[in-house]
Amino acid sequence: GFTFSSPYLHDNIVYAGHEFFVQCAEERNRHGECSSLIICHAGCHCRIDVVQSRFPSSFTITAPGNELAEMLFNSTCNVVTTSKSNLFGESVIKLSDENNSNVFVGDNPIADNSFGLVTRKDDKEFSDIINWVVTALIYGEEHGLKNDPSNCQNYTSLPVQTPDLNFMNAVYCVGNYGWKHLLNPDTRSQINNGTSGMLYAIPFTEVGKGLSGATASDDDSDALNVIKKRRLNCGVTVPDSFDGVITSSKKLVGMSVDYCKALAAAIFSGSPDQVNVTAFSQNDGFVALNNGVIDVLAGAKVEKKYDFANPSLNLEGFDFSSAYYYGNETVGEDLSIFALATREDDAGFSSFVNCIVWATLHAQEKSIRREESMNMPLLPWFGQDFEWALRDVINHIGSYDQLYEKHFGLISSEERGRNRLNEGGPLVHSIPGLSH
């Protein structure tokens, strides 16, 4: 298995080519005048599963990505699938000019892609280092920091503790996120300033509503089965001034409680009550999680000091799910990011927990409400006992908007700020913990 860094690029997959046939492809029309449609697609980045779910194999050709432009202009195909960031690459421009032909780009993205750095999941510390390098590049752009040899510091010896690495060297010695147009300024993900949603559901295959060939590893299943033999112990962080009843709370605390119950539903075949919910302060919650008092901490703040092992705090380091709530801080301020936290020594359980948050975002993206939970895909990676986990999550708490409205009420998109599904705006922001 693998670990992925925070995405540094979010991109759309689109149809491009001859205008008439691009429209055929967008309308999923392969009959009549559209019967000559041939779509060339690269299997690596352009979501082959989406194309195969929309057209029979006789209408598609899989080819290396660097050959798609040539195949389009020599009429091997009349449509290609491509990411917008690659669409205006040198090969397309060159061949378009040589053939005195314009490439028509479809208006409707067929899928989204996120790009990050990938590491093996057996070295969590190295994966964390890679992720913080990406975060440093983004942080540099947020604060207007650039390549600066005077601040590029060589180590005389490596720090004893990994968190003490100077991640800002990535900026000062190389450059920030947009350094020298490392990414096309028209297509790279810009910094989110709070005026557009930051919630994003990582794409799930459309083929057969599941991945029939996927199997769980022994570690993945064993971690869940240990909990299934007792009850789930879930901590929820609360403000220092909190004096309410945690299980009947609203806003962020209430939302976090519901994610605890949703995780229980996913583990215990649809039963959300097999969970002990306990309130903690932020620091005490991480201590309880570290010591095994709880299995997961909801409402955990994503910060550098909790990501790595921290001997001064006697903590071993933690994994965080996708975020389910963001603060309203401006660019340049440390952003409040709230997620589900797990111990980082159990990658399988951490992945399962992440699927719980993902389920609510996927349901929102696909307009699947609580009463339509059977439309959720099966979860293929953790064994047969947990195949219905995503359906059980949505059957209990519904889509993200249903959950949000339960705890925050009906408010405008503008007031929700980052806490809505992204619909094309910037998705990138740094994680708190760096300073310059």
Protein backbone atom coordinates (compact mmCIF):
# COMPACT_ATOMS: atom_id res chain seq x y z
CA GLY A 1 0.00 0.00 0.00
CA PHE A 2 0.94 3.65 -0.32
CA THR A 3 0.73 6.97 1.49
CA PHE A 4 -0.14 10.16 -0.38
CA SER A 5 0.94 13.67 0.47
CA SER A 6 -1.48 16.57 0.54
CA PRO A 7 -2.39 17.23 -3.12
CA TYR A 8 -0.39 20.00 -4.77
CA LEU A 9 -2.58 20.08 -7.89
CA HIS A 10 -6.27 19.55 -8.50
CA ASP A 11 -7.18 19.18 -12.13
CA ASN A 12 -10.16 18.43 -14.37
CA ILE A 13 -10.27 15.67 -16.97
CA VAL A 14 -11.98 16.88 -20.15
CA TYR A 15 -12.72 15.74 -23.68
CA ALA A 16 -10.82 17.57 -26.43
CA GLY A 17 -10.57 17.20 -30.20
CA HIS A 18 -13.02 17.70 -33.08
CA GLU A 19 -15.92 19.82 -31.84
CA PHE A 20 -18.74 17.62 -33.15
CA PHE A 21 -17.31 14.43 -31.63
CA VAL A 22 -16.43 16.13 -28.35
CA GLN A 23 -20.12 16.99 -28.05
CA CYS A 24 -21.01 13.37 -28.87
CA ALA A 25 -18.70 12.19 -26.09
CA GLU A 26 -20.08 14.67 -23.57
CA GLU A 27 -23.62 13.57 -24.37
CA ARG A 28 -22.59 9.88 -24.24
CA ASN A 29 -23.98 9.50 -27.73
CA ARG A 30 -22.49 6.73 -29.91
CA HIS A 31 -25.32 6.29 -32.41
CA GLY A 32 -26.25 7.84 -35.77
CA GLU A 33 -23.78 10.56 -36.79
CA CYS A 34 -21.85 9.91 -33.58
CA SER A 35 -21.18 6.27 -34.48
CA SER A 36 -17.71 7.21 -35.81
CA LEU A 37 -16.64 8.47 -32.39
CA ILE A 38 -13.25 7.10 -31.28
CA ILE A 39 -11.81 8.25 -27.94
CA CYS A 40 -8.10 7.92 -27.20
CA HIS A 41 -7.17 7.99 -23.55
CA ALA A 42 -4.12 7.41 -21.41
CA GLY A 43 -4.57 4.81 -18.74
CA CYS A 44 -2.43 6.49 -16.07
CA HIS A 45 -3.85 9.92 -15.23
CA CYS A 46 -7.01 10.35 -17.28
CA ARG A 47 -9.42 8.14 -15.34
CA ILE A 48 -9.69 5.16 -17.68
CA ASP A 49 -12.47 3.82 -15.43
CA VAL A 50 -14.71 6.79 -16.28
CA VAL A 51 -14.32 6.36 -20.04
CA GLN A 52 -14.85 2.59 -19.84
CA SER A 53 -18.02 3.07 -17.81
CA ARG A 54 -19.48 5.37 -20.49
CA PHE A 55 -18.51 3.69 -23.75
CA PRO A 56 -17.98 0.13 -25.03
CA SER A 57 -14.37 -0.83 -25.68
CA SER A 58 -14.91 -0.61 -29.47
CA PHE A 59 -15.18 3.18 -29.10
CA THR A 60 -11.99 3.64 -27.09
CA ILE A 61 -8.25 3.23 -27.54
CA THR A 62 -5.76 3.19 -24.68
CA ALA A 63 -2.38 4.72 -25.53
CA PRO A 64 0.66 6.31 -23.86
CA GLY A 65 -0.08 9.89 -22.85
CA ASN A 66 2.74 11.30 -24.98
CA GLU A 67 1.16 9.80 -28.13
CA LEU A 68 -2.37 11.17 -27.72
CA ALA A 69 -1.76 14.44 -29.59
CA GLU A 70 -0.27 12.65 -32.59
CA MET A 71 -3.14 10.12 -32.64
CA LEU A 72 -5.66 12.97 -32.62
CA PHE A 73 -4.10 14.77 -35.57
CA ASN A 74 -3.45 11.63 -37.68
CA SER A 75 -7.15 10.71 -37.26
CA THR A 76 -6.55 7.54 -35.27
CA CYS A 77 -9.15 9.08 -32.98
CA ASN A 78 -11.29 12.19 -33.05
CA VAL A 79 -11.43 12.82 -29.29
CA VAL A 80 -8.88 12.50 -26.50
CA THR A 81 -9.28 12.65 -22.74
CA THR A 82 -6.75 14.91 -21.09
CA SER A 83 -6.19 16.93 -17.97
CA LYS A 84 -6.56 20.68 -18.39
CA SER A 85 -3.07 21.27 -17.06
CA ASN A 86 -1.61 19.14 -19.88
CA LEU A 87 -3.95 20.30 -22.62
CA PHE A 88 -1.80 23.16 -23.81
CA GLY A 89 1.50 21.28 -23.70
CA GLU A 90 4.08 21.83 -26.37
CA SER A 91 3.14 18.73 -28.39
CA VAL A 92 -0.51 19.77 -28.76
CA ILE A 93 0.38 23.36 -29.67
CA LYS A 94 3.04 22.25 -32.16
CA LEU A 95 0.84 19.70 -33.89
CA SER A 96 -2.15 22.04 -33.89
CA ASP A 97 -0.07 24.68 -35.70
CA GLU A 98 1.38 22.17 -38.17
CA ASN A 99 -2.07 20.88 -39.07
CA ASN A 100 -3.68 24.34 -39.14
CA SER A 101 -6.32 22.91 -36.85
CA ASN A 102 -7.78 24.08 -33.56
CA VAL A 103 -8.47 21.74 -30.68
CA PHE A 104 -11.97 22.11 -29.26
CA VAL A 105 -12.15 21.66 -25.50
CA GLY A 106 -15.34 20.38 -23.90
CA ASP A 107 -17.18 22.47 -21.34
CA ASN A 108 -18.06 19.63 -18.98
CA PRO A 109 -15.29 17.95 -16.95
CA ILE A 110 -15.80 14.19 -16.87
CA ALA A 111 -13.74 13.65 -13.72
CA ASP A 112 -11.36 15.29 -11.28
CA ASN A 113 -7.78 14.34 -10.57
CA SER A 114 -5.60 15.17 -7.59
CA PHE A 115 -1.83 14.90 -7.76
CA GLY A 116 0.51 14.40 -4.83
CA LEU A 117 3.73 12.68 -3.84
CA VAL A 118 3.48 8.95 -3.14
CA THR A 119 5.50 6.94 -0.62
CA ARG A 120 5.29 3.38 0.72
CA LYS A 121 3.05 3.18 3.78
CA ASP A 122 5.64 1.17 5.75
CA ASP A 123 7.65 4.31 6.64
CA LYS A 124 5.24 6.81 8.13
CA GLU A 125 7.93 9.21 9.31
CA PHE A 126 9.37 9.58 5.81
CA SER A 127 5.85 10.06 4.42
CA ASP A 128 5.28 12.82 6.97
CA ILE A 129 8.52 14.53 5.92
CA ILE A 130 7.42 14.50 2.27
CA ASN A 131 4.04 15.94 3.20
CA TRP A 132 5.60 18.79 5.16
CA VAL A 133 7.86 19.63 2.23
CA VAL A 134 4.72 20.11 0.11
CA THR A 135 3.15 22.16 2.91
CA ALA A 136 6.26 24.35 3.13
CA LEU A 137 6.07 25.18 -0.59
CA ILE A 138 2.43 26.21 -0.18
CA TYR A 139 3.21 28.16 2.99
CA GLY A 140 5.93 30.02 1.09
CA GLU A 141 3.48 31.18 -1.54
CA GLU A 142 0.92 32.22 1.07
CA HIS A 143 3.51 34.46 2.76
CA GLY A 144 5.27 35.73 -0.36
CA LEU A 145 8.49 33.87 0.47
CA LYS A 146 10.78 32.94 -2.41
CA ASN A 147 14.10 31.38 -3.25
CA ASP A 148 16.60 33.17 -0.98
CA PRO A 149 20.17 31.84 -0.76
CA SER A 150 20.87 33.98 2.32
CA ASN A 151 18.28 31.95 4.25
CA CYS A 152 19.17 28.59 2.69
CA GLN A 153 20.82 26.88 5.66
CA ASN A 154 23.07 23.85 5.30
CA TYR A 155 23.01 21.41 8.18
CA THR A 156 26.24 20.87 10.11
CA SER A 157 24.49 17.79 11.51
CA LEU A 158 20.97 16.45 11.13
CA PRO A 159 18.52 17.32 13.92
CA VAL A 160 17.96 14.61 16.51
CA GLN A 161 14.18 14.92 16.19
CA THR A 162 12.45 14.80 12.82
CA PRO A 163 10.07 17.73 13.59
CA ASP A 164 13.17 19.93 13.97
CA LEU A 165 14.07 19.59 10.28
CA ASN A 166 14.10 22.99 8.58
CA PHE A 167 11.28 22.46 6.11
CA MET A 168 11.50 26.09 5.03
CA ASN A 169 14.76 25.17 3.27
CA ALA A 170 12.48 23.76 0.57
CA VAL A 171 11.40 27.35 -0.11
CA TYR A 172 14.63 29.25 0.53
CA CYS A 173 16.88 26.79 -1.33
CA VAL A 174 14.49 25.98 -4.21
CA GLY A 175 11.40 28.21 -4.33
CA ASN A 176 7.74 28.37 -3.32
CA TYR A 177 4.70 26.56 -4.71
CA GLY A 178 4.50 28.69 -7.86
CA TRP A 179 8.27 29.12 -8.27
CA LYS A 180 9.28 30.11 -11.81
CA HIS A 181 5.95 28.84 -13.13
CA LEU A 182 6.72 25.37 -11.90
CA LEU A 183 3.02 24.97 -12.49
CA ASN A 184 1.18 26.83 -15.25
CA PRO A 185 -0.26 29.91 -13.46
CA ASP A 186 -3.51 29.52 -15.40
CA THR A 187 -4.05 25.92 -14.34
CA ARG A 188 -2.27 25.40 -11.01
CA SER A 189 -4.36 25.26 -7.85
CA GLN A 190 -4.40 28.69 -6.22
CA ILE A 191 -4.43 29.35 -2.48
CA ASN A 192 -7.88 29.13 -0.89
CA ASN A 193 -8.77 32.46 0.77
CA GLY A 194 -11.98 31.29 2.41
CA THR A 195 -14.41 32.36 -0.31
CA SER A 196 -14.80 28.91 -1.90
CA GLY A 197 -15.27 25.38 -0.59
CA MET A 198 -12.32 23.24 0.43
CA LEU A 199 -14.16 19.94 0.84
CA TYR A 200 -13.20 17.46 -1.85
CA ALA A 201 -14.09 13.81 -2.41
CA ILE A 202 -11.15 11.89 -3.85
CA PRO A 203 -12.41 10.08 -6.98
CA PHE A 204 -13.75 6.55 -6.53
CA THR A 205 -13.95 4.15 -9.46
CA GLU A 206 -17.26 4.13 -11.32
CA VAL A 207 -16.80 0.59 -12.61
CA GLY A 208 -19.31 -1.74 -10.99
CA LYS A 209 -19.77 0.57 -7.98
CA GLY A 210 -16.73 -1.06 -6.39
CA LEU A 211 -13.34 -2.59 -7.01
CA SER A 212 -14.12 -6.28 -7.44
CA GLY A 213 -10.48 -7.31 -7.49
CA ALA A 214 -9.43 -5.51 -4.31
CA THR A 215 -8.74 -7.50 -1.15
CA ALA A 216 -7.88 -6.47 2.37
CA SER A 217 -4.55 -7.23 4.00
CA ASP A 218 -4.45 -9.14 7.28
CA ASP A 219 -3.42 -5.95 9.11
CA ASP A 220 -6.40 -4.04 7.72
CA SER A 221 -8.95 -6.61 8.91
CA ASP A 222 -7.33 -7.49 12.25
CA ALA A 223 -7.33 -3.90 13.51
CA LEU A 224 -11.06 -3.57 12.89
CA ASN A 225 -11.89 -7.00 14.28
CA VAL A 226 -10.22 -6.16 17.60
CA ILE A 227 -12.60 -3.22 18.05
CA LYS A 228 -15.57 -5.23 16.78
CA LYS A 229 -15.16 -7.65 19.70
CA ARG A 230 -15.86 -4.85 22.20
CA ARG A 231 -17.11 -1.28 21.59
CA LEU A 232 -15.59 1.68 19.80
CA ASN A 233 -14.02 4.24 22.12
CA CYS A 234 -14.21 7.68 20.52
CA GLY A 235 -12.96 10.93 22.01
CA VAL A 236 -14.37 14.31 21.02
CA THR A 237 -12.48 17.56 21.56
CA VAL A 238 -14.43 20.36 23.21
CA PRO A 239 -13.60 24.01 24.00
CA ASP A 240 -12.19 24.75 27.46
CA SER A 241 -15.42 26.56 28.37
CA PHE A 242 -17.66 23.64 27.33
CA ASP A 243 -20.22 22.65 29.97
CA GLY A 244 -22.99 21.04 27.89
CA VAL A 245 -24.05 17.47 27.25
CA ILE A 246 -21.72 16.20 24.58
CA THR A 247 -24.15 13.76 22.92
CA SER A 248 -26.77 16.47 22.36
CA SER A 249 -24.39 19.21 21.25
CA LYS A 250 -24.57 21.17 18.02
CA LYS A 251 -22.04 22.85 15.73
CA LEU A 252 -18.54 21.36 15.56
CA VAL A 253 -18.83 19.29 18.75
CA GLY A 254 -22.12 17.77 17.60
CA MET A 255 -20.75 17.09 14.13
CA SER A 256 -17.75 15.32 15.68
CA VAL A 257 -20.04 13.17 17.85
CA ASP A 258 -21.96 12.15 14.73
CA TYR A 259 -18.73 11.13 13.00
CA CYS A 260 -18.00 8.90 16.02
CA LYS A 261 -21.40 7.28 15.65
CA ALA A 262 -20.98 6.97 11.90
CA LEU A 263 -17.68 5.14 12.44
CA ALA A 264 -19.45 2.80 14.86
CA ALA A 265 -22.15 2.18 12.26
CA ALA A 266 -19.48 1.32 9.71
CA ILE A 267 -17.77 -1.14 12.07
CA PHE A 268 -20.81 -2.74 13.70
CA SER A 269 -22.94 -3.51 10.62
CA GLY A 270 -25.07 -0.39 10.78
CA SER A 271 -25.39 0.00 14.55
CA PRO A 272 -24.34 3.54 15.60
CA ASP A 273 -24.81 2.97 19.33
CA GLN A 274 -21.84 0.64 19.85
CA VAL A 275 -19.61 3.53 20.87
CA ASN A 276 -18.44 5.22 24.04
CA VAL A 277 -18.12 8.98 23.46
CA THR A 278 -15.90 10.96 25.84
CA ALA A 279 -15.10 14.67 25.91
CA PHE A 280 -11.49 15.87 26.04
CA SER A 281 -9.53 19.06 25.70
CA GLN A 282 -7.37 19.11 22.56
CA ASN A 283 -4.12 18.11 24.31
CA ASP A 284 -5.74 15.60 26.67
CA GLY A 285 -7.49 13.97 23.70
CA PHE A 286 -4.20 13.29 21.95
CA VAL A 287 -2.72 11.89 25.19
CA ALA A 288 -5.72 9.54 25.57
CA LEU A 289 -5.38 8.44 21.95
CA ASN A 290 -1.64 7.91 22.35
CA ASN A 291 -2.19 5.76 25.46
CA GLY A 292 -4.89 3.60 23.89
CA VAL A 293 -7.70 4.92 26.09
CA ILE A 294 -9.61 5.84 22.92
CA ASP A 295 -9.39 4.42 19.39
CA VAL A 296 -10.03 7.65 17.53
CA LEU A 297 -10.23 11.37 18.34
CA ALA A 298 -12.89 13.44 16.57
CA GLY A 299 -12.55 17.19 16.22
CA ALA A 300 -8.77 16.83 16.33
CA LYS A 301 -6.84 19.88 15.12
CA VAL A 302 -4.42 19.09 12.32
CA GLU A 303 -1.08 20.56 13.37
CA LYS A 304 2.60 19.77 12.90
CA LYS A 305 3.20 19.20 16.61
CA TYR A 306 0.74 16.27 16.57
CA ASP A 307 1.78 14.82 13.22
CA PHE A 308 5.29 13.69 14.23
CA ALA A 309 6.36 11.79 17.33
CA ASN A 310 6.97 14.44 20.01
CA PRO A 311 9.13 13.25 22.94
CA SER A 312 8.61 16.52 24.83
CA LEU A 313 4.86 15.83 24.88
CA ASN A 314 5.34 12.06 25.26
CA LEU A 315 3.35 11.47 22.06
CA GLU A 316 4.09 8.95 19.30
CA GLY A 317 2.60 10.79 16.31
CA PHE A 318 -0.80 10.53 14.64
CA ASP A 319 -2.63 10.12 11.34
CA PHE A 320 -5.40 12.49 10.27
CA SER A 321 -8.38 11.83 8.05
CA SER A 322 -9.53 14.21 5.37
CA ALA A 323 -10.71 17.42 7.02
CA TYR A 324 -14.43 17.82 7.69
CA TYR A 325 -14.39 21.37 9.08
CA TYR A 326 -12.28 24.46 8.43
CA GLY A 327 -11.97 27.78 10.23
CA ASN A 328 -12.56 31.17 8.60
CA GLU A 329 -8.98 32.46 8.91
CA THR A 330 -7.54 34.52 6.07
CA VAL A 331 -4.57 33.59 3.87
CA GLY A 332 -1.40 34.05 5.89
CA GLU A 333 -3.02 32.99 9.17
CA ASP A 334 -2.77 29.48 10.60
CA LEU A 335 -5.88 27.72 9.34
CA SER A 336 -7.98 25.74 11.83
CA ILE A 337 -8.41 22.26 10.35
CA PHE A 338 -10.49 19.59 12.11
CA ALA A 339 -10.43 15.87 11.32
CA LEU A 340 -10.49 12.38 12.83
CA ALA A 341 -7.15 11.39 14.37
CA THR A 342 -5.79 7.86 14.84
CA ARG A 343 -2.49 6.43 16.01
CA GLU A 344 -0.05 6.26 13.14
CA ASP A 345 1.10 2.73 13.97
CA ASP A 346 -2.00 1.23 12.33
CA ALA A 347 -2.23 2.31 8.69
CA GLY A 348 -5.14 -0.01 7.94
CA PHE A 349 -7.42 1.37 10.65
CA SER A 350 -6.42 4.93 9.74
CA SER A 351 -7.43 4.27 6.13
CA PHE A 352 -10.79 2.86 7.25
CA VAL A 353 -11.45 5.90 9.43
CA ASN A 354 -10.63 8.20 6.52
CA CYS A 355 -13.27 6.40 4.45
CA ILE A 356 -15.92 7.56 6.94
CA VAL A 357 -15.31 11.24 6.21
CA TRP A 358 -14.89 10.48 2.51
CA ALA A 359 -18.29 8.78 2.43
CA THR A 360 -20.11 11.98 3.46
CA LEU A 361 -18.25 14.03 0.84
CA HIS A 362 -18.82 11.45 -1.91
CA ALA A 363 -22.52 11.29 -1.04
CA GLN A 364 -22.72 15.07 -1.30
CA GLU A 365 -20.92 15.10 -4.65
CA LYS A 366 -23.23 12.40 -6.06
CA SER A 367 -26.39 13.89 -4.47
CA ILE A 368 -26.94 10.75 -2.38
CA ARG A 369 -29.09 11.59 0.63
CA ARG A 370 -29.63 9.51 3.74
CA GLU A 371 -32.70 7.80 2.35
CA GLU A 372 -30.72 6.82 -0.76
CA SER A 373 -27.78 5.23 1.09
CA MET A 374 -28.04 2.06 -1.01
CA ASN A 375 -26.64 4.07 -3.93
CA MET A 376 -23.27 4.31 -2.15
CA PRO A 377 -20.53 2.02 -3.49
CA LEU A 378 -19.40 -1.06 -1.64
CA LEU A 379 -16.11 -0.72 0.24
CA PRO A 380 -13.79 -3.39 -1.19
CA TRP A 381 -10.56 -3.10 0.80
CA PHE A 382 -11.27 -4.39 4.32
CA GLY A 383 -12.96 -7.73 3.89
CA GLN A 384 -16.58 -8.84 3.51
CA ASP A 385 -17.59 -7.82 7.05
CA PHE A 386 -17.07 -4.17 6.14
CA GLU A 387 -18.24 -4.03 2.51
CA TRP A 388 -21.40 -2.13 3.47
CA ALA A 389 -19.55 0.39 5.65
CA LEU A 390 -20.10 3.39 3.35
CA ARG A 391 -23.81 2.61 3.02
CA ASP A 392 -24.14 2.28 6.80
CA VAL A 393 -22.41 5.65 7.31
CA ILE A 394 -24.80 7.49 5.00
CA ASN A 395 -27.82 5.60 6.33
CA HIS A 396 -26.97 7.01 9.75
CA ILE A 397 -25.83 10.60 9.12
CA GLY A 398 -26.58 11.32 5.46
CA SER A 399 -24.52 13.43 3.07
CA TYR A 400 -22.18 16.18 4.25
CA ASP A 401 -24.76 18.93 3.72
CA GLN A 402 -27.37 16.97 5.68
CA LEU A 403 -24.89 16.60 8.55
CA TYR A 404 -23.79 20.24 8.36
CA GLU A 405 -27.35 21.60 8.32
CA LYS A 406 -28.28 19.42 11.30
CA HIS A 407 -25.63 21.12 13.44
CA PHE A 408 -25.24 24.60 11.94
CA GLY A 409 -28.65 25.21 10.38
CA LEU A 410 -29.49 26.49 6.91
CA ILE A 411 -27.02 29.24 6.09
CA SER A 412 -25.79 30.69 2.81
CA SER A 413 -22.83 29.27 0.89
CA GLU A 414 -20.92 32.49 1.50
CA GLU A 415 -21.34 32.15 5.27
CA ARG A 416 -20.20 28.52 5.14
CA GLY A 417 -16.89 29.64 3.61
CA ARG A 418 -14.58 26.67 3.17
CA ASN A 419 -17.12 24.20 4.60
CA ARG A 420 -18.83 23.23 1.37
CA LEU A 421 -18.02 20.99 -1.53
CA ASN A 422 -15.50 22.52 -3.89
CA GLU A 423 -17.01 23.53 -7.22
CA GLY A 424 -13.93 24.73 -9.03
CA GLY A 425 -12.37 27.29 -6.71
CA PRO A 426 -8.93 27.06 -5.06
CA LEU A 427 -8.33 23.99 -2.87
CA VAL A 428 -4.80 24.54 -1.58
CA HIS A 429 -3.80 25.83 1.85
CA SER A 430 -0.91 25.07 4.21
CA ILE A 431 -1.20 23.13 7.46
CA PRO A 432 -0.40 24.97 10.74
CA GLY A 433 3.00 24.44 12.30
CA LEU A 434 5.51 26.25 10.12
CA SER A 435 7.01 29.67 10.72
CA HIS A 436 9.51 31.95 9.02
